[in-house]
Amino acid sequence: MTTMTEASVREFKMPDVGEGLTEAEILKWYVQPGDTVTDGQVVCEVETAKAAVELPIPYDGVVRDLHFPEGSTVDVGTPIIAVDVSGGAVAPAPAEAAAPAAAPAEEKKPEGSGRQPVLVGYGVAASSTKRRPRKGPEVLVSEASTAIQKELNGHGPVAEAPPAGTGGTARPLAKPPVRKLAKDLGVDLTTVVPSGPDGIITREDVHAAVAPPEAAPAPVAAPAVSAPPAPVPAYDTARETRIPVKGVRRATAAAMVGSAFTAPHVTEFVTIDVTRTMKLVEEIKRAPEEFGLQGLRVNPLLLIAKALLVAIKRNPDINASWDEANQEIVLKHYVNLGIAAATPRGLIVPNVKDAHAKTLPQLAEALGELVSTAREGKTSPAAMQGGTVTITNVGVFGVDTGTPILNPGESAILAIGAIKLQPWVHKGKVKPRQVTTLALSFDHRLVDGELGSKVLADVAAILEQPKRLITWA
């Protein structure tokens, strides 16, 4: 066993690396017990519900213990690694020396070094869990019952039920409709056995009091005609694989369920001829310097993104969000354009900040960086926050179109279908043309059919005559 004192050990806690996230999964450890670490050295990689990030250690010392193996999901604020700093890099705090065993679990202030073991720009999320105080024994059941009954009846004081064993004949507790029912059926409420909360007589109790005695056994036959219980799912474990749902996949699932059942979705479609758009893409690739796009990646997504930004500029009301708490529509005077990206860790939607203010070359550069960073799994949490409108390109998978689900907090999402050579009427003749289908989903609480149709029609018109985009560069 080691002879180092517990007071010389610093516990590095899982920080909140995603602005409010509650947990993260440890993907990989870069150090092992016995390794020497320095302040700022990356010790592990973790994945939150938004991205994978590397965690630097804020101490100089020797790794004493890794509290969790790779693949573990750890709550924010939980110690994940212990570092011995007895070499003098950090002096132990007096409180730790007095109670070494409890220090890691009970510390609530920065340690003796004055540093908080978190990523730059983030803080350890303090626990917000609160327990509802229990009612004290001084609240009497009879008092609570009387208050409840007064509220139910809505008028005047109600006689309390007599205490057990007093032999009193207080007025039975029942709502006015139940009393009327008892009067109509000729039932004396003092003879009815109550089944409701706090001794209240219900309609069922009154009906039971007038039912003939021989009718009572009838419910016994109910199991014979009741529906059979739902079968328990059978699993063939030898031929099935179970994959835990966590990280990006779990966050995406929760977000999509919340969006689908919160915002009323409407999806509109338009099929268009994008032959000129495809020709312009090839023209730019042959002479990128003429468009200021030398060294940048040029593809149809770039022109479609620019077309959507132009449509938003012409129809700014679609760039908004719904504030449920304040019952307000929040108009955004900026566009953070999200691009859905499929990665090995699942679907993520980073966004180009202030895309509305970028020229075509600037937009091409931003899109290139966004896509490459996403594919490398290095997208930061900040890059996936604050989106206003999103584009999803399902056409890369050969899909004609779809009905995309809104990202929470956004008003619209544009799906791009596969671009295919199809027969098309062009200048009065049927010719082979490059055709695609666009689908625009929007939140019908703040975007009506007219506005949604205008935006989709604008995008379609621009892509049919794409050189208009250059004038908006």
Protein backbone atom coordinates (compact mmCIF):
# COMPACT_ATOMS: atom_id res chain seq x y z
CA MET A 1 0.00 0.00 0.00
CA THR A 2 1.14 3.54 -0.67
CA THR A 3 2.28 5.69 2.25
CA MET A 4 1.13 9.00 0.77
CA THR A 5 -1.32 10.92 2.91
CA GLU A 6 -4.91 11.42 1.83
CA ALA A 7 -4.45 15.18 2.36
CA SER A 8 -2.05 15.30 -0.59
CA VAL A 9 -4.60 13.86 -3.04
CA ARG A 10 -6.65 16.07 -5.33
CA GLU A 11 -9.88 14.75 -6.83
CA PHE A 12 -10.66 16.00 -10.36
CA LYS A 13 -14.41 16.06 -10.89
CA MET A 14 -16.35 15.55 -14.10
CA PRO A 15 -17.00 19.12 -15.33
CA ASP A 16 -20.04 20.41 -17.13
CA VAL A 17 -18.59 20.62 -20.64
CA GLY A 18 -21.90 21.28 -22.37
CA GLU A 19 -23.61 24.15 -20.54
CA GLY A 20 -26.09 22.34 -18.36
CA LEU A 21 -25.50 18.69 -19.27
CA THR A 22 -25.73 16.31 -16.34
CA GLU A 23 -23.49 13.42 -17.37
CA ALA A 24 -20.76 12.29 -19.75
CA GLU A 25 -19.28 8.99 -20.90
CA ILE A 26 -15.57 8.32 -20.52
CA LEU A 27 -14.38 7.26 -23.98
CA LYS A 28 -10.65 6.94 -23.40
CA TRP A 29 -8.06 7.41 -20.67
CA TYR A 30 -4.71 8.88 -21.76
CA VAL A 31 -3.03 8.25 -18.40
CA GLN A 32 -2.74 5.35 -15.94
CA PRO A 33 -2.03 5.14 -12.19
CA GLY A 34 1.60 6.05 -11.56
CA ASP A 35 1.88 8.43 -14.53
CA THR A 36 3.13 11.95 -13.92
CA VAL A 37 0.83 14.72 -15.09
CA THR A 38 1.22 18.47 -15.41
CA ASP A 39 -1.24 21.33 -15.20
CA GLY A 40 -3.19 21.52 -18.47
CA GLN A 41 -2.32 18.01 -19.68
CA VAL A 42 -5.19 16.13 -21.35
CA VAL A 43 -5.98 13.04 -19.30
CA CYS A 44 -9.11 11.65 -20.93
CA GLU A 45 -11.69 12.05 -23.67
CA VAL A 46 -15.39 12.13 -22.76
CA GLU A 47 -18.58 12.22 -24.78
CA THR A 48 -21.55 14.24 -23.70
CA ALA A 49 -24.98 14.37 -25.29
CA LYS A 50 -23.58 16.99 -27.66
CA ALA A 51 -19.97 16.22 -28.55
CA ALA A 52 -16.73 14.47 -27.65
CA VAL A 53 -14.22 16.66 -25.79
CA GLU A 54 -10.83 16.21 -24.13
CA LEU A 55 -10.40 17.06 -20.45
CA PRO A 56 -7.19 18.69 -19.14
CA ILE A 57 -6.10 18.16 -15.53
CA PRO A 58 -5.55 21.33 -13.46
CA TYR A 59 -2.84 19.81 -11.21
CA ASP A 60 0.83 18.83 -11.22
CA GLY A 61 1.40 15.45 -9.66
CA VAL A 62 1.20 11.69 -9.99
CA VAL A 63 -1.96 9.81 -10.93
CA ARG A 64 -3.08 7.78 -7.95
CA ASP A 65 -6.35 6.27 -9.17
CA LEU A 66 -8.80 6.26 -12.07
CA HIS A 67 -12.21 5.98 -10.45
CA PHE A 68 -14.09 4.78 -13.55
CA PRO A 69 -13.14 2.53 -16.47
CA GLU A 70 -13.57 3.48 -20.12
CA GLY A 71 -17.20 3.27 -21.22
CA SER A 72 -18.60 4.44 -17.87
CA THR A 73 -21.25 7.16 -17.75
CA VAL A 74 -20.49 9.58 -14.93
CA ASP A 75 -22.61 12.37 -13.42
CA VAL A 76 -21.26 15.91 -13.57
CA GLY A 77 -19.52 16.79 -10.32
CA THR A 78 -18.41 13.21 -9.58
CA PRO A 79 -14.65 12.67 -8.99
CA ILE A 80 -13.12 10.68 -11.86
CA ILE A 81 -9.38 10.77 -11.17
CA ALA A 82 -7.21 11.21 -8.09
CA VAL A 83 -3.81 12.93 -8.33
CA ASP A 84 -1.13 12.98 -5.63
CA VAL A 85 0.26 16.51 -5.43
CA SER A 86 2.56 15.91 -2.46
CA GLY A 87 5.51 17.09 -4.51
CA GLY A 88 4.57 20.62 -3.48
CA ALA A 89 2.66 21.81 -6.54
CA VAL A 90 -0.43 22.39 -4.41
CA ALA A 91 -0.55 22.75 -0.65
CA PRO A 92 -3.23 20.74 1.14
CA ALA A 93 -6.06 22.75 2.66
CA PRO A 94 -6.41 22.65 6.48
CA ALA A 95 -9.90 21.21 6.22
CA GLU A 96 -8.56 18.28 4.27
CA ALA A 97 -5.90 17.57 6.86
CA ALA A 98 -8.52 17.56 9.61
CA ALA A 99 -10.94 15.24 7.83
CA PRO A 100 -9.07 13.45 5.02
CA ALA A 101 -11.63 10.67 4.50
CA ALA A 102 -14.58 12.98 3.97
CA ALA A 103 -12.84 15.68 1.95
CA PRO A 104 -13.37 14.31 -1.57
CA ALA A 105 -17.09 13.74 -1.01
CA GLU A 106 -17.90 16.86 1.00
CA GLU A 107 -15.81 19.63 -0.57
CA LYS A 108 -17.96 22.53 -1.71
CA LYS A 109 -15.34 25.21 -2.30
CA PRO A 110 -12.24 25.43 -4.52
CA GLU A 111 -9.35 23.54 -3.05
CA GLY A 112 -6.25 24.98 -1.44
CA SER A 113 -4.63 25.74 -4.80
CA GLY A 114 -7.35 28.26 -5.55
CA ARG A 115 -8.11 26.46 -8.84
CA GLN A 116 -11.34 24.72 -9.72
CA PRO A 117 -10.78 21.45 -11.66
CA VAL A 118 -12.87 22.26 -14.71
CA LEU A 119 -12.45 23.09 -18.38
CA VAL A 120 -11.72 26.68 -19.27
CA GLY A 121 -15.00 28.50 -19.73
CA TYR A 122 -17.13 26.00 -17.81
CA GLY A 123 -17.92 25.45 -14.19
CA VAL A 124 -18.82 22.41 -12.19
CA ALA A 125 -22.61 22.29 -12.12
CA ALA A 126 -23.85 22.55 -8.57
CA SER A 127 -26.49 20.09 -7.59
CA SER A 128 -29.96 21.49 -8.11
CA THR A 129 -31.78 18.57 -6.53
CA LYS A 130 -34.22 19.66 -3.87
CA ARG A 131 -36.43 17.51 -1.71
CA ARG A 132 -39.94 18.58 -0.92
CA PRO A 133 -40.30 19.00 2.88
CA ARG A 134 -42.58 16.52 4.54
CA LYS A 135 -45.60 17.73 6.44
CA GLY A 136 -45.09 17.76 10.17
CA PRO A 137 -47.10 15.63 12.58
CA GLU A 138 -49.00 18.72 13.76
CA VAL A 139 -51.26 18.58 10.66
CA LEU A 140 -54.27 16.55 11.81
CA VAL A 141 -56.05 14.20 9.42
CA SER A 142 -59.46 15.51 10.53
CA GLU A 143 -58.42 19.09 9.75
CA ALA A 144 -57.15 18.14 6.30
CA SER A 145 -60.33 16.18 5.55
CA THR A 146 -62.51 19.12 6.55
CA ALA A 147 -60.54 21.53 4.34
CA ILE A 148 -60.75 19.20 1.36
CA GLN A 149 -64.46 18.67 1.78
CA LYS A 150 -65.11 22.40 2.04
CA GLU A 151 -63.31 22.93 -1.25
CA LEU A 152 -65.18 20.06 -2.95
CA ASN A 153 -68.62 21.24 -1.83
CA GLY A 154 -67.85 24.86 -2.56
CA HIS A 155 -70.14 26.26 0.13
CA GLY A 156 -70.50 26.47 3.87
CA PRO A 157 -68.89 24.35 6.57
CA VAL A 158 -69.27 20.61 6.39
CA ALA A 159 -69.84 18.44 9.40
CA GLU A 160 -66.83 16.35 10.17
CA ALA A 161 -67.03 12.59 10.44
CA PRO A 162 -67.18 11.59 14.10
CA PRO A 163 -63.99 10.27 15.59
CA ALA A 164 -63.73 6.52 15.76
CA GLY A 165 -65.42 5.01 18.79
CA THR A 166 -67.53 8.07 19.67
CA GLY A 167 -70.77 6.64 18.32
CA GLY A 168 -71.66 10.02 16.76
CA THR A 169 -74.12 10.47 13.94
CA ALA A 170 -72.39 13.23 11.96
CA ARG A 171 -73.52 13.99 8.42
CA PRO A 172 -71.88 11.62 5.89
CA LEU A 173 -69.33 13.17 3.52
CA ALA A 174 -70.55 13.34 -0.09
CA LYS A 175 -70.65 15.80 -2.96
CA PRO A 176 -73.99 17.45 -3.84
CA PRO A 177 -74.48 15.37 -7.04
CA VAL A 178 -73.93 12.20 -5.02
CA ARG A 179 -76.43 13.33 -2.40
CA LYS A 180 -79.01 13.98 -5.12
CA LEU A 181 -78.36 10.55 -6.62
CA ALA A 182 -78.87 8.93 -3.21
CA LYS A 183 -82.11 10.86 -2.71
CA ASP A 184 -83.42 9.81 -6.15
CA LEU A 185 -82.59 6.16 -5.46
CA GLY A 186 -83.95 6.26 -1.89
CA VAL A 187 -80.59 5.44 -0.28
CA ASP A 188 -79.82 6.54 3.27
CA LEU A 189 -76.23 7.85 3.10
CA THR A 190 -75.64 6.97 6.77
CA THR A 191 -75.86 3.29 5.77
CA VAL A 192 -73.41 3.57 2.84
CA VAL A 193 -69.83 2.41 3.27
CA PRO A 194 -67.58 5.13 1.73
CA SER A 195 -64.70 4.19 -0.56
CA GLY A 196 -63.47 7.63 -1.60
CA PRO A 197 -60.51 9.51 -0.11
CA ASP A 198 -60.98 10.82 3.42
CA GLY A 199 -64.25 8.87 3.81
CA ILE A 200 -66.11 10.54 0.96
CA ILE A 201 -69.05 8.60 -0.50
CA THR A 202 -68.87 8.18 -4.28
CA ARG A 203 -71.52 7.49 -6.92
CA GLU A 204 -70.29 3.89 -7.09
CA ASP A 205 -70.87 3.51 -3.37
CA VAL A 206 -74.50 4.67 -3.78
CA HIS A 207 -75.13 2.30 -6.70
CA ALA A 208 -73.61 -0.55 -4.71
CA ALA A 209 -75.97 0.19 -1.83
CA VAL A 210 -79.07 -0.26 -4.03
CA ALA A 211 -77.81 -3.32 -5.96
CA PRO A 212 -79.54 -6.57 -4.99
CA PRO A 213 -77.37 -8.84 -2.85
CA GLU A 214 -77.37 -11.60 -5.46
CA ALA A 215 -75.75 -9.26 -7.97
CA ALA A 216 -72.60 -8.95 -5.90
CA PRO A 217 -70.95 -12.22 -7.09
CA ALA A 218 -71.23 -11.08 -10.75
CA PRO A 219 -67.73 -9.53 -10.88
CA VAL A 220 -66.27 -12.99 -10.14
CA ALA A 221 -66.99 -14.01 -13.72
CA ALA A 222 -65.10 -10.99 -15.13
CA PRO A 223 -61.69 -12.71 -15.41
CA ALA A 224 -63.18 -15.28 -17.79
CA VAL A 225 -64.11 -12.62 -20.36
CA SER A 226 -61.30 -10.11 -19.71
CA ALA A 227 -58.61 -9.60 -22.31
CA PRO A 228 -55.59 -11.84 -21.91
CA PRO A 229 -52.48 -10.17 -20.51
CA ALA A 230 -50.03 -8.76 -23.03
CA PRO A 231 -47.42 -11.36 -23.95
CA VAL A 232 -43.94 -10.82 -22.59
CA PRO A 233 -41.54 -10.08 -25.47
CA ALA A 234 -39.29 -13.00 -26.24
CA TYR A 235 -35.63 -12.34 -26.99
CA ASP A 236 -33.25 -14.63 -28.83
CA THR A 237 -30.10 -13.50 -27.05
CA ALA A 238 -27.91 -15.81 -29.13
CA ARG A 239 -28.83 -13.94 -32.30
CA GLU A 240 -29.35 -10.41 -31.03
CA THR A 241 -27.07 -7.58 -29.98
CA ARG A 242 -28.02 -4.93 -27.45
CA ILE A 243 -26.54 -1.45 -27.80
CA PRO A 244 -26.89 0.92 -24.83
CA VAL A 245 -28.56 4.18 -25.80
CA LYS A 246 -26.41 7.01 -24.48
CA GLY A 247 -24.43 10.06 -25.47
CA VAL A 248 -25.36 11.72 -28.77
CA ARG A 249 -27.83 8.97 -29.69
CA ARG A 250 -29.85 9.36 -26.48
CA ALA A 251 -29.83 13.15 -26.71
CA THR A 252 -31.00 13.03 -30.33
CA ALA A 253 -33.81 10.62 -29.49
CA ALA A 254 -35.03 12.77 -26.60
CA ALA A 255 -34.85 15.95 -28.68
CA MET A 256 -36.76 14.45 -31.59
CA VAL A 257 -39.51 13.05 -29.37
CA GLY A 258 -39.84 16.39 -27.60
CA SER A 259 -39.98 18.29 -30.89
CA ALA A 260 -42.41 15.95 -32.63
CA PHE A 261 -44.93 16.09 -29.78
CA THR A 262 -44.50 19.77 -28.90
CA ALA A 263 -44.34 21.72 -32.15
CA PRO A 264 -47.16 21.12 -34.66
CA HIS A 265 -45.24 20.13 -37.78
CA VAL A 266 -46.30 20.96 -41.33
CA THR A 267 -44.27 19.77 -44.32
CA GLU A 268 -44.55 21.10 -47.85
CA PHE A 269 -42.85 19.70 -50.96
CA VAL A 270 -41.73 21.04 -54.32
CA THR A 271 -40.03 19.21 -57.20
CA ILE A 272 -37.74 21.44 -59.26
CA ASP A 273 -35.34 21.48 -62.18
CA VAL A 274 -31.83 22.14 -60.82
CA THR A 275 -29.96 21.59 -64.07
CA ARG A 276 -28.64 25.17 -64.04
CA THR A 277 -27.52 24.78 -60.44
CA MET A 278 -25.52 21.66 -61.30
CA LYS A 279 -23.99 23.41 -64.33
CA LEU A 280 -23.01 26.37 -62.14
CA VAL A 281 -21.33 24.01 -59.66
CA GLU A 282 -19.24 22.54 -62.49
CA GLU A 283 -18.47 26.01 -63.82
CA ILE A 284 -17.18 27.15 -60.43
CA LYS A 285 -15.06 24.02 -60.07
CA ARG A 286 -13.42 24.71 -63.45
CA ALA A 287 -12.61 28.33 -62.62
CA PRO A 288 -12.98 28.89 -58.86
CA GLU A 289 -10.86 32.04 -58.92
CA GLU A 290 -13.53 33.84 -60.96
CA PHE A 291 -15.94 33.45 -58.06
CA GLY A 292 -13.41 33.94 -55.26
CA LEU A 293 -13.70 30.27 -54.32
CA GLN A 294 -10.21 29.01 -55.07
CA GLY A 295 -9.07 26.37 -52.60
CA LEU A 296 -12.60 25.94 -51.22
CA ARG A 297 -14.96 23.01 -51.53
CA VAL A 298 -17.83 23.67 -53.93
CA ASN A 299 -20.91 21.40 -54.12
CA PRO A 300 -24.68 21.75 -54.57
CA LEU A 301 -25.12 22.10 -50.78
CA LEU A 302 -23.26 25.42 -50.89
CA LEU A 303 -25.66 26.93 -53.44
CA ILE A 304 -28.72 25.46 -51.71
CA ALA A 305 -27.59 26.94 -48.39
CA LYS A 306 -27.12 30.31 -50.05
CA ALA A 307 -30.55 30.04 -51.67
CA LEU A 308 -32.17 29.37 -48.28
CA LEU A 309 -30.39 32.35 -46.74
CA VAL A 310 -31.67 34.58 -49.54
CA ALA A 311 -35.21 33.24 -49.02
CA ILE A 312 -34.97 33.96 -45.29
CA LYS A 313 -33.79 37.49 -46.02
CA ARG A 314 -36.88 38.01 -48.17
CA ASN A 315 -39.17 36.35 -45.61
CA PRO A 316 -37.57 37.12 -42.21
CA ASP A 317 -40.58 36.05 -40.13
CA ILE A 318 -39.74 32.40 -40.70
CA ASN A 319 -36.51 32.82 -38.76
CA ALA A 320 -38.08 32.70 -35.30
CA SER A 321 -38.77 30.53 -32.28
CA TRP A 322 -41.71 29.90 -29.95
CA ASP A 323 -41.32 30.94 -26.30
CA GLU A 324 -43.84 28.72 -24.51
CA ALA A 325 -43.14 30.13 -21.04
CA ASN A 326 -43.86 33.73 -22.04
CA GLN A 327 -46.26 32.92 -24.90
CA GLU A 328 -44.22 34.98 -27.35
CA ILE A 329 -42.80 34.59 -30.85
CA VAL A 330 -39.11 35.49 -30.85
CA LEU A 331 -37.96 36.90 -34.20
CA LYS A 332 -34.25 36.30 -34.84
CA HIS A 333 -32.32 39.03 -36.64
CA TYR A 334 -29.50 36.61 -37.36
CA VAL A 335 -29.30 33.17 -38.97
CA ASN A 336 -27.29 30.36 -37.39
CA LEU A 337 -27.58 27.83 -40.20
CA GLY A 338 -27.54 24.21 -38.99
CA ILE A 339 -26.24 21.40 -41.19
CA ALA A 340 -27.29 17.89 -40.17
CA ALA A 341 -24.25 15.60 -40.26
CA ALA A 342 -24.17 11.82 -39.88
CA THR A 343 -21.19 10.72 -37.80
CA PRO A 344 -20.09 7.40 -36.26
CA ARG A 345 -21.49 8.66 -32.94
CA GLY A 346 -24.86 9.54 -34.43
CA LEU A 347 -26.57 12.51 -36.03
CA ILE A 348 -25.37 15.94 -34.93
CA VAL A 349 -26.40 19.39 -36.15
CA PRO A 350 -23.63 21.97 -35.82
CA ASN A 351 -24.42 25.41 -37.19
CA VAL A 352 -22.67 28.20 -39.04
CA LYS A 353 -22.86 31.27 -36.82
CA ASP A 354 -24.18 34.45 -38.47
CA ALA A 355 -24.50 32.73 -41.82
CA HIS A 356 -26.73 35.56 -43.04
CA ALA A 357 -23.77 37.96 -43.03
CA LYS A 358 -21.35 35.72 -44.98
CA THR A 359 -20.43 36.04 -48.62
CA LEU A 360 -20.44 32.97 -50.83
CA PRO A 361 -16.69 32.32 -50.28
CA GLN A 362 -17.05 32.83 -46.53
CA LEU A 363 -20.01 30.47 -46.43
CA ALA A 364 -18.07 27.85 -48.41
CA GLU A 365 -15.18 28.07 -45.97
CA ALA A 366 -17.46 27.81 -42.93
CA LEU A 367 -19.34 24.82 -44.34
CA GLY A 368 -16.09 23.02 -45.17
CA GLU A 369 -14.76 23.47 -41.63
CA LEU A 370 -18.07 22.44 -40.11
CA VAL A 371 -18.32 19.19 -42.08
CA SER A 372 -14.68 18.16 -41.60
CA THR A 373 -14.81 18.85 -37.85
CA ALA A 374 -18.02 16.82 -37.52
CA ARG A 375 -16.55 13.84 -39.36
CA GLU A 376 -13.52 13.88 -37.08
CA GLY A 377 -15.80 13.89 -34.03
CA LYS A 378 -14.32 17.16 -32.79
CA THR A 379 -17.42 19.35 -32.95
CA SER A 380 -17.60 21.53 -29.83
CA PRO A 381 -20.80 21.88 -27.77
CA ALA A 382 -20.93 25.59 -28.62
CA ALA A 383 -21.05 24.79 -32.34
CA MET A 384 -24.31 22.86 -31.83
CA GLN A 385 -26.13 25.49 -29.81
CA GLY A 386 -28.17 28.47 -30.91
CA GLY A 387 -29.27 27.19 -34.33
CA THR A 388 -32.24 28.94 -35.97
CA VAL A 389 -32.84 27.04 -39.25
CA THR A 390 -31.43 23.70 -40.45
CA ILE A 391 -30.65 21.91 -43.73
CA THR A 392 -30.59 18.11 -43.94
CA ASN A 393 -29.30 16.47 -47.12
CA VAL A 394 -31.03 13.08 -47.37
CA GLY A 395 -30.22 12.98 -51.07
CA VAL A 396 -26.67 11.79 -50.38
CA PHE A 397 -28.24 8.44 -49.45
CA GLY A 398 -30.24 8.23 -52.68
CA VAL A 399 -33.49 9.21 -50.95
CA ASP A 400 -35.96 11.32 -52.93
CA THR A 401 -37.29 13.29 -49.97
CA GLY A 402 -38.61 13.03 -46.40
CA THR A 403 -40.53 14.83 -43.68
CA PRO A 404 -37.78 16.14 -41.40
CA ILE A 405 -38.42 16.86 -37.72
CA LEU A 406 -37.54 20.29 -36.41
CA ASN A 407 -34.62 20.80 -34.09
CA PRO A 408 -35.99 22.00 -30.73
CA GLY A 409 -36.18 25.79 -30.63
CA GLU A 410 -36.06 26.20 -34.42
CA SER A 411 -38.83 27.20 -36.78
CA ALA A 412 -37.93 25.40 -40.02
CA ILE A 413 -35.83 22.63 -41.56
CA LEU A 414 -35.19 22.07 -45.27
CA ALA A 415 -34.62 18.54 -46.60
CA ILE A 416 -32.79 18.09 -49.92
CA GLY A 417 -33.64 15.00 -51.93
CA ALA A 418 -31.49 13.09 -54.40
CA ILE A 419 -30.68 14.92 -57.65
CA LYS A 420 -31.54 12.61 -60.55
CA LEU A 421 -31.73 12.80 -64.33
CA GLN A 422 -35.44 12.69 -65.19
CA PRO A 423 -37.73 13.58 -68.12
CA TRP A 424 -38.86 17.19 -67.69
CA VAL A 425 -40.79 19.67 -69.79
CA HIS A 426 -38.27 22.39 -70.66
CA LYS A 427 -39.14 25.17 -73.12
CA GLY A 428 -42.11 23.20 -74.37
CA LYS A 429 -40.24 19.96 -74.98
CA VAL A 430 -39.62 16.88 -72.86
CA LYS A 431 -35.92 16.70 -72.12
CA PRO A 432 -33.68 14.91 -69.62
CA ARG A 433 -33.03 17.35 -66.75
CA GLN A 434 -31.47 17.24 -63.29
CA VAL A 435 -34.43 17.16 -60.90
CA THR A 436 -34.78 17.07 -57.12
CA THR A 437 -37.49 17.39 -54.47
CA LEU A 438 -37.25 19.82 -51.56
CA ALA A 439 -39.25 19.40 -48.35
CA LEU A 440 -39.71 22.22 -45.85
CA SER A 441 -41.01 21.39 -42.37
CA PHE A 442 -42.02 24.29 -40.15
CA ASP A 443 -43.62 25.03 -36.79
CA HIS A 444 -47.26 25.84 -37.57
CA ARG A 445 -47.64 27.81 -34.33
CA LEU A 446 -45.56 30.65 -35.75
CA VAL A 447 -45.33 29.89 -39.48
CA ASP A 448 -48.57 29.71 -41.43
CA GLY A 449 -49.02 28.01 -44.78
CA GLU A 450 -48.56 31.21 -46.77
CA LEU A 451 -45.22 32.08 -45.21
CA GLY A 452 -43.92 28.51 -45.45
CA SER A 453 -44.98 28.31 -49.10
CA LYS A 454 -43.29 31.61 -49.94
CA VAL A 455 -39.99 30.47 -48.45
CA LEU A 456 -40.05 27.14 -50.24
CA ALA A 457 -41.06 28.77 -53.54
CA ASP A 458 -38.24 31.32 -53.20
CA VAL A 459 -35.65 28.58 -52.64
CA ALA A 460 -36.98 26.69 -55.67
CA ALA A 461 -36.94 29.77 -57.93
CA ILE A 462 -33.37 30.66 -56.96
CA LEU A 463 -32.10 27.12 -57.61
CA GLU A 464 -33.77 27.11 -61.01
CA GLN A 465 -31.92 30.36 -61.86
CA PRO A 466 -28.86 30.04 -59.57
CA LYS A 467 -26.73 32.84 -61.02
CA ARG A 468 -28.99 35.19 -59.12
CA LEU A 469 -27.06 34.06 -56.06
CA ILE A 470 -23.90 35.78 -57.22
CA THR A 471 -25.60 39.16 -56.97
CA TRP A 472 -26.34 38.35 -53.30
CA ALA A 473 -22.77 37.18 -52.54
